[in-house]
Each structure stands twice: as C-alpha cells, then as structure tokens.
N, C-alpha and C. Protein backbone atom coordinates (compact mmCIF):
# COMPACT_ATOMS: atom_id res chain seq x y z
N PRO A 1 -44.96 19.99 -34.93
CA PRO A 1 -45.01 20.72 -33.67
C PRO A 1 -46.41 20.66 -33.04
N LEU A 2 -46.42 20.66 -31.75
CA LEU A 2 -47.62 20.45 -30.98
C LEU A 2 -48.65 21.56 -31.17
N PHE A 3 -49.82 21.20 -31.68
CA PHE A 3 -50.99 22.06 -31.85
C PHE A 3 -50.85 23.13 -32.94
N THR A 4 -49.73 23.20 -33.65
CA THR A 4 -49.58 24.25 -34.67
C THR A 4 -50.45 24.01 -35.90
N ASP A 5 -50.87 22.78 -36.11
CA ASP A 5 -51.69 22.50 -37.28
C ASP A 5 -53.16 22.81 -37.06
N VAL A 6 -53.58 23.04 -35.81
CA VAL A 6 -55.00 23.31 -35.53
C VAL A 6 -55.26 24.68 -34.91
N PHE A 7 -54.23 25.33 -34.38
CA PHE A 7 -54.40 26.65 -33.78
C PHE A 7 -53.53 27.67 -34.50
N PRO A 8 -54.02 28.92 -34.62
CA PRO A 8 -53.17 29.97 -35.16
C PRO A 8 -52.00 30.24 -34.21
N LEU A 9 -50.91 30.69 -34.78
CA LEU A 9 -49.68 30.88 -34.01
C LEU A 9 -49.86 31.82 -32.82
N HIS A 10 -50.64 32.89 -32.99
CA HIS A 10 -50.79 33.86 -31.89
C HIS A 10 -51.53 33.26 -30.69
N LYS A 11 -52.25 32.16 -30.89
CA LYS A 11 -52.97 31.54 -29.78
C LYS A 11 -52.14 30.52 -29.01
N ILE A 12 -51.15 29.94 -29.66
CA ILE A 12 -50.46 28.84 -29.00
C ILE A 12 -49.21 29.24 -28.23
N PHE A 13 -48.82 30.51 -28.27
CA PHE A 13 -47.65 30.92 -27.50
C PHE A 13 -47.82 30.66 -26.00
N HIS A 14 -48.99 30.99 -25.46
CA HIS A 14 -49.23 30.76 -24.03
C HIS A 14 -49.25 29.27 -23.73
N LEU A 15 -49.77 28.52 -24.66
CA LEU A 15 -49.83 27.07 -24.51
C LEU A 15 -48.43 26.48 -24.49
N TRP A 16 -47.58 26.94 -25.37
CA TRP A 16 -46.22 26.44 -25.44
C TRP A 16 -45.44 26.76 -24.17
N ASP A 17 -45.67 27.92 -23.58
CA ASP A 17 -45.00 28.25 -22.32
C ASP A 17 -45.29 27.18 -21.28
N LYS A 18 -46.54 26.79 -21.18
CA LYS A 18 -46.92 25.77 -20.20
C LYS A 18 -46.37 24.40 -20.58
N LEU A 19 -46.37 24.08 -21.87
CA LEU A 19 -45.86 22.79 -22.32
C LEU A 19 -44.37 22.64 -22.04
N ILE A 20 -43.63 23.72 -22.21
CA ILE A 20 -42.19 23.67 -21.97
C ILE A 20 -41.90 23.49 -20.49
N LEU A 21 -42.70 24.14 -19.64
CA LEU A 21 -42.46 24.07 -18.20
C LEU A 21 -43.08 22.83 -17.55
N GLY A 22 -44.08 22.23 -18.20
CA GLY A 22 -44.75 21.06 -17.62
C GLY A 22 -43.98 19.78 -17.91
N ASP A 23 -44.45 18.69 -17.33
CA ASP A 23 -43.81 17.41 -17.58
C ASP A 23 -44.52 16.66 -18.71
N HIS A 24 -44.22 15.38 -18.85
CA HIS A 24 -44.76 14.59 -19.96
C HIS A 24 -46.28 14.45 -19.93
N SER A 25 -46.91 14.68 -18.80
CA SER A 25 -48.36 14.50 -18.70
C SER A 25 -49.15 15.76 -19.06
N TYR A 26 -48.47 16.89 -19.18
CA TYR A 26 -49.20 18.15 -19.39
C TYR A 26 -50.01 18.20 -20.69
N PRO A 27 -49.52 17.66 -21.81
CA PRO A 27 -50.36 17.66 -23.02
C PRO A 27 -51.70 16.94 -22.84
N LEU A 28 -51.74 15.94 -21.99
CA LEU A 28 -53.00 15.25 -21.68
C LEU A 28 -54.01 16.23 -21.10
N PHE A 29 -53.59 17.07 -20.18
CA PHE A 29 -54.49 18.02 -19.55
C PHE A 29 -54.92 19.12 -20.51
N ILE A 30 -54.07 19.48 -21.44
CA ILE A 30 -54.46 20.45 -22.47
C ILE A 30 -55.56 19.85 -23.34
N GLY A 31 -55.38 18.60 -23.72
CA GLY A 31 -56.40 17.92 -24.51
C GLY A 31 -57.73 17.83 -23.79
N ILE A 32 -57.69 17.54 -22.50
CA ILE A 32 -58.92 17.47 -21.71
C ILE A 32 -59.58 18.84 -21.62
N ALA A 33 -58.77 19.89 -21.45
CA ALA A 33 -59.32 21.25 -21.39
C ALA A 33 -59.99 21.65 -22.70
N ILE A 34 -59.41 21.22 -23.82
CA ILE A 34 -60.03 21.50 -25.13
C ILE A 34 -61.35 20.75 -25.25
N LEU A 35 -61.34 19.47 -24.87
CA LEU A 35 -62.58 18.68 -24.91
C LEU A 35 -63.66 19.28 -24.02
N LYS A 36 -63.24 19.81 -22.88
CA LYS A 36 -64.18 20.43 -21.95
C LYS A 36 -64.88 21.63 -22.60
N GLN A 37 -64.11 22.43 -23.34
CA GLN A 37 -64.71 23.59 -24.02
C GLN A 37 -65.63 23.18 -25.16
N LEU A 38 -65.31 22.07 -25.81
CA LEU A 38 -66.09 21.62 -26.96
C LEU A 38 -67.18 20.62 -26.60
N LYS A 39 -67.35 20.34 -25.32
CA LYS A 39 -68.24 19.28 -24.87
C LYS A 39 -69.64 19.35 -25.48
N SER A 40 -70.30 20.48 -25.39
CA SER A 40 -71.68 20.58 -25.88
C SER A 40 -71.75 20.38 -27.39
N THR A 41 -70.79 20.93 -28.12
CA THR A 41 -70.77 20.76 -29.58
C THR A 41 -70.51 19.30 -29.95
N LEU A 42 -69.58 18.66 -29.25
CA LEU A 42 -69.26 17.27 -29.54
C LEU A 42 -70.43 16.34 -29.25
N LEU A 43 -71.14 16.60 -28.17
CA LEU A 43 -72.27 15.74 -27.81
C LEU A 43 -73.43 15.87 -28.80
N LYS A 44 -73.55 17.01 -29.44
CA LYS A 44 -74.62 17.22 -30.42
C LYS A 44 -74.24 16.74 -31.82
N SER A 45 -72.96 16.49 -32.05
CA SER A 45 -72.48 16.17 -33.39
C SER A 45 -72.33 14.67 -33.60
N GLY A 46 -72.36 14.29 -34.86
CA GLY A 46 -72.07 12.91 -35.23
C GLY A 46 -70.57 12.70 -35.37
N PHE A 47 -70.18 11.46 -35.65
CA PHE A 47 -68.77 11.11 -35.74
C PHE A 47 -68.04 11.96 -36.79
N ASN A 48 -68.59 12.04 -37.99
CA ASN A 48 -67.92 12.78 -39.06
C ASN A 48 -67.78 14.26 -38.73
N GLU A 49 -68.81 14.83 -38.11
CA GLU A 49 -68.72 16.25 -37.73
C GLU A 49 -67.64 16.46 -36.66
N CYS A 50 -67.52 15.50 -35.75
CA CYS A 50 -66.48 15.60 -34.71
C CYS A 50 -65.08 15.57 -35.33
N ILE A 51 -64.89 14.68 -36.29
CA ILE A 51 -63.59 14.60 -36.96
C ILE A 51 -63.27 15.92 -37.66
N LEU A 52 -64.25 16.48 -38.34
CA LEU A 52 -64.04 17.78 -39.01
C LEU A 52 -63.76 18.89 -38.00
N LEU A 53 -64.45 18.82 -36.88
CA LEU A 53 -64.26 19.83 -35.83
C LEU A 53 -62.82 19.81 -35.31
N PHE A 54 -62.27 18.61 -35.12
CA PHE A 54 -60.90 18.51 -34.61
C PHE A 54 -59.85 18.86 -35.66
N SER A 55 -60.18 18.75 -36.92
CA SER A 55 -59.20 19.11 -37.94
C SER A 55 -59.09 20.62 -38.11
N ASP A 56 -60.13 21.34 -37.74
CA ASP A 56 -60.10 22.80 -37.81
C ASP A 56 -60.85 23.33 -36.59
N LEU A 57 -60.17 23.40 -35.47
CA LEU A 57 -60.82 23.77 -34.21
C LEU A 57 -61.42 25.16 -34.28
N PRO A 58 -62.64 25.31 -33.75
CA PRO A 58 -63.26 26.64 -33.72
C PRO A 58 -62.57 27.52 -32.69
N ASP A 59 -63.18 28.62 -32.41
CA ASP A 59 -62.58 29.57 -31.48
C ASP A 59 -62.51 29.01 -30.08
N ILE A 60 -61.37 28.46 -29.76
CA ILE A 60 -61.10 27.99 -28.40
C ILE A 60 -60.58 29.18 -27.62
N VAL A 61 -61.11 29.40 -26.44
CA VAL A 61 -60.61 30.47 -25.58
C VAL A 61 -59.34 29.94 -24.92
N MET A 62 -58.21 30.38 -25.44
CA MET A 62 -56.93 29.81 -25.02
C MET A 62 -56.63 30.09 -23.55
N GLU A 63 -57.02 31.23 -23.05
CA GLU A 63 -56.78 31.54 -21.63
C GLU A 63 -57.53 30.55 -20.74
N THR A 64 -58.76 30.23 -21.10
CA THR A 64 -59.53 29.25 -20.35
C THR A 64 -58.89 27.87 -20.46
N CYS A 65 -58.43 27.54 -21.64
CA CYS A 65 -57.77 26.25 -21.87
C CYS A 65 -56.53 26.12 -20.99
N VAL A 66 -55.71 27.15 -20.96
CA VAL A 66 -54.48 27.13 -20.16
C VAL A 66 -54.82 27.07 -18.67
N ASN A 67 -55.79 27.87 -18.22
CA ASN A 67 -56.17 27.87 -16.80
C ASN A 67 -56.75 26.53 -16.37
N ASP A 68 -57.64 25.96 -17.20
CA ASP A 68 -58.24 24.66 -16.87
C ASP A 68 -57.18 23.56 -16.83
N SER A 69 -56.29 23.56 -17.82
CA SER A 69 -55.27 22.52 -17.85
C SER A 69 -54.32 22.65 -16.66
N GLU A 70 -53.98 23.87 -16.30
CA GLU A 70 -53.10 24.08 -15.14
C GLU A 70 -53.77 23.61 -13.85
N SER A 71 -55.04 23.92 -13.71
CA SER A 71 -55.78 23.50 -12.52
C SER A 71 -55.85 21.97 -12.42
N MET A 72 -56.17 21.31 -13.52
CA MET A 72 -56.23 19.84 -13.51
C MET A 72 -54.85 19.24 -13.23
N TYR A 73 -53.82 19.83 -13.81
CA TYR A 73 -52.45 19.36 -13.61
C TYR A 73 -52.05 19.45 -12.13
N GLN A 74 -52.39 20.56 -11.49
CA GLN A 74 -52.02 20.77 -10.09
C GLN A 74 -52.75 19.83 -9.14
N PHE A 75 -54.02 19.52 -9.44
CA PHE A 75 -54.83 18.74 -8.51
C PHE A 75 -54.85 17.24 -8.79
N THR A 76 -54.27 16.80 -9.88
CA THR A 76 -54.22 15.38 -10.20
C THR A 76 -52.96 14.77 -9.60
N PRO A 77 -53.09 13.71 -8.81
CA PRO A 77 -51.89 13.06 -8.26
C PRO A 77 -50.96 12.61 -9.38
N LYS A 78 -49.67 12.83 -9.20
CA LYS A 78 -48.70 12.53 -10.25
C LYS A 78 -48.67 11.05 -10.62
N SER A 79 -48.96 10.18 -9.68
CA SER A 79 -48.92 8.75 -9.99
C SER A 79 -50.06 8.32 -10.91
N VAL A 80 -51.13 9.11 -10.98
CA VAL A 80 -52.25 8.78 -11.86
C VAL A 80 -51.84 8.92 -13.32
N THR A 81 -50.97 9.86 -13.62
CA THR A 81 -50.53 10.07 -15.00
C THR A 81 -49.15 9.48 -15.25
N TYR A 82 -48.70 8.61 -14.37
CA TYR A 82 -47.39 7.97 -14.49
C TYR A 82 -47.28 7.19 -15.79
N ARG A 83 -46.17 7.38 -16.49
CA ARG A 83 -45.89 6.61 -17.71
C ARG A 83 -44.60 5.84 -17.50
N LYS A 84 -44.67 4.57 -17.73
CA LYS A 84 -43.54 3.69 -17.47
C LYS A 84 -42.29 4.09 -18.27
N PHE A 85 -42.46 4.46 -19.53
CA PHE A 85 -41.30 4.69 -20.39
C PHE A 85 -40.97 6.17 -20.59
N ALA A 86 -41.55 7.04 -19.79
CA ALA A 86 -41.22 8.47 -19.90
C ALA A 86 -39.91 8.74 -19.17
N LEU A 87 -39.27 9.84 -19.52
CA LEU A 87 -38.06 10.25 -18.83
C LEU A 87 -38.48 10.78 -17.46
N HIS A 88 -38.03 10.14 -16.39
CA HIS A 88 -38.46 10.51 -15.04
C HIS A 88 -37.34 11.25 -14.32
N GLU A 89 -37.68 12.42 -13.81
CA GLU A 89 -36.71 13.20 -13.05
C GLU A 89 -36.82 12.93 -11.56
N GLU A 90 -37.93 12.31 -11.14
CA GLU A 90 -38.12 12.01 -9.73
C GLU A 90 -37.28 10.78 -9.35
N GLU A 91 -37.12 10.61 -8.08
CA GLU A 91 -36.46 9.41 -7.59
C GLU A 91 -37.32 8.20 -7.94
N PRO A 92 -36.73 7.09 -8.32
CA PRO A 92 -37.52 5.92 -8.70
C PRO A 92 -38.48 5.44 -7.62
N GLY A 93 -38.14 5.58 -6.36
CA GLY A 93 -38.99 5.08 -5.29
C GLY A 93 -40.15 5.99 -4.93
N GLU A 94 -40.17 7.21 -5.48
CA GLU A 94 -41.20 8.17 -5.09
C GLU A 94 -42.60 7.68 -5.43
N PHE A 95 -42.77 7.10 -6.59
CA PHE A 95 -44.10 6.66 -7.00
C PHE A 95 -44.42 5.26 -6.50
N ASP A 96 -43.42 4.45 -6.28
CA ASP A 96 -43.62 3.12 -5.73
C ASP A 96 -44.66 2.33 -6.53
N LEU A 97 -44.67 2.51 -7.83
CA LEU A 97 -45.57 1.76 -8.70
C LEU A 97 -44.76 0.67 -9.39
N LYS A 98 -45.20 -0.54 -9.22
CA LYS A 98 -44.46 -1.65 -9.81
C LYS A 98 -45.27 -2.25 -10.94
N TYR A 99 -44.83 -1.97 -12.15
CA TYR A 99 -45.48 -2.53 -13.34
C TYR A 99 -44.51 -3.49 -14.00
N SER A 100 -44.96 -4.66 -14.29
CA SER A 100 -44.15 -5.58 -15.10
C SER A 100 -44.86 -5.75 -16.44
N ASP A 101 -44.16 -6.34 -17.37
CA ASP A 101 -44.76 -6.57 -18.68
C ASP A 101 -45.94 -7.53 -18.60
N ASP A 102 -45.96 -8.37 -17.57
CA ASP A 102 -47.06 -9.33 -17.40
C ASP A 102 -48.33 -8.67 -16.87
N ASP A 103 -48.22 -7.46 -16.32
CA ASP A 103 -49.37 -6.77 -15.72
C ASP A 103 -50.25 -6.06 -16.75
N HIS A 104 -49.88 -6.08 -18.01
CA HIS A 104 -50.58 -5.27 -19.01
C HIS A 104 -52.09 -5.54 -19.04
N GLY A 105 -52.49 -6.78 -19.11
CA GLY A 105 -53.92 -7.12 -19.14
C GLY A 105 -54.61 -6.75 -17.85
N GLU A 106 -53.93 -6.96 -16.74
CA GLU A 106 -54.49 -6.63 -15.43
C GLU A 106 -54.71 -5.13 -15.29
N VAL A 107 -53.75 -4.35 -15.72
CA VAL A 107 -53.85 -2.89 -15.63
C VAL A 107 -55.00 -2.38 -16.51
N GLN A 108 -55.15 -2.95 -17.69
CA GLN A 108 -56.23 -2.53 -18.59
C GLN A 108 -57.60 -2.86 -18.01
N ALA A 109 -57.70 -3.91 -17.22
CA ALA A 109 -58.98 -4.33 -16.65
C ALA A 109 -59.36 -3.51 -15.42
N GLU A 110 -58.41 -2.79 -14.84
CA GLU A 110 -58.69 -2.01 -13.64
C GLU A 110 -59.62 -0.84 -13.96
N LEU A 111 -60.53 -0.56 -13.05
CA LEU A 111 -61.50 0.52 -13.25
C LEU A 111 -60.96 1.88 -12.81
N TYR A 112 -59.96 1.87 -11.95
CA TYR A 112 -59.41 3.11 -11.41
C TYR A 112 -57.91 3.12 -11.60
N PRO A 113 -57.29 4.30 -11.70
CA PRO A 113 -55.83 4.34 -11.84
C PRO A 113 -55.15 3.93 -10.54
N ARG A 114 -53.94 3.47 -10.67
CA ARG A 114 -53.16 3.12 -9.48
C ARG A 114 -52.63 4.41 -8.85
N LEU A 115 -52.65 4.44 -7.54
CA LEU A 115 -52.21 5.62 -6.79
C LEU A 115 -51.03 5.21 -5.93
N SER A 116 -49.97 5.99 -5.98
CA SER A 116 -48.79 5.65 -5.17
C SER A 116 -49.05 5.97 -3.71
N VAL A 117 -48.27 5.34 -2.86
CA VAL A 117 -48.37 5.59 -1.43
C VAL A 117 -48.04 7.05 -1.14
N TYR A 118 -47.04 7.57 -1.84
CA TYR A 118 -46.63 8.96 -1.68
C TYR A 118 -47.80 9.91 -1.95
N ASP A 119 -48.52 9.69 -3.05
CA ASP A 119 -49.66 10.55 -3.38
C ASP A 119 -50.82 10.35 -2.41
N LEU A 120 -51.01 9.13 -1.95
CA LEU A 120 -52.07 8.87 -0.97
C LEU A 120 -51.82 9.65 0.31
N ILE A 121 -50.60 9.65 0.77
CA ILE A 121 -50.25 10.40 1.98
C ILE A 121 -50.45 11.90 1.76
N ARG A 122 -50.07 12.40 0.59
CA ARG A 122 -50.28 13.82 0.28
C ARG A 122 -51.76 14.18 0.26
N LEU A 123 -52.61 13.27 -0.20
CA LEU A 123 -54.05 13.53 -0.26
C LEU A 123 -54.69 13.53 1.13
N LEU A 124 -54.12 12.78 2.03
CA LEU A 124 -54.67 12.71 3.39
C LEU A 124 -54.22 13.91 4.16
C-alpha cells in the first residue's frame, strides 16, 4: 500500500483521501511535496544518508504535504503529466499528444515536456 511503510497510519489518512480522488499523476505531486520539505536535509546529506532518510522518513508535516501537492496538481497542465499507458477518462482528442513507439529517444532528448493545444489555450 502506498506510503504505509514509511508513514504512521494516523498521518496517511489525509493523504489517502487525496490519492483516491486524484488521478494517476497525483502520487508524483505527493513525492515532490515530500522532497520539498526534505530539501535542506537532502542537500546536506550524502547518498547513504539520503537512502536511510527515505527508508524512515522524519516528521513530515502532512498538512503541508497535502496542501503543496494539491497546489502543484491544480496548477500543472494535465498534458505535462500525461502517461501513455494510464487509464484515461478524458476524451482521446483532449490532449492531442501523439506519441509513437519510435518517438522514445526523441522524447527523452527533449528539454521541456510536451504541452497539448488544449492546455496551451487554457494557459492563455
């Protein structure tokens, strides 16, 4: 189960509420929110200390984690976190992202994520 091995049960109930209501990209934002809280500790630590830190996370302020992840989720265009093989509830044409199996190397070489026309119009 998601995050149960690193957080006490009383802390992850709020997290699970958001995970159940969010889409496939929401765990990414939770991970980023956790990294954001641990940033200063991670930057001061070596590799081995970082691995130990992630195996037994210190006191993460779960309310801050949930709020930060929700904020990032709301403001990030959906096409940026698009996953080709995820279960999609949107209409196929909404994202207008065309990925073929031959594009794999090209996509990895890109410096910025692909943005759908739909999201571009919403941003303008």
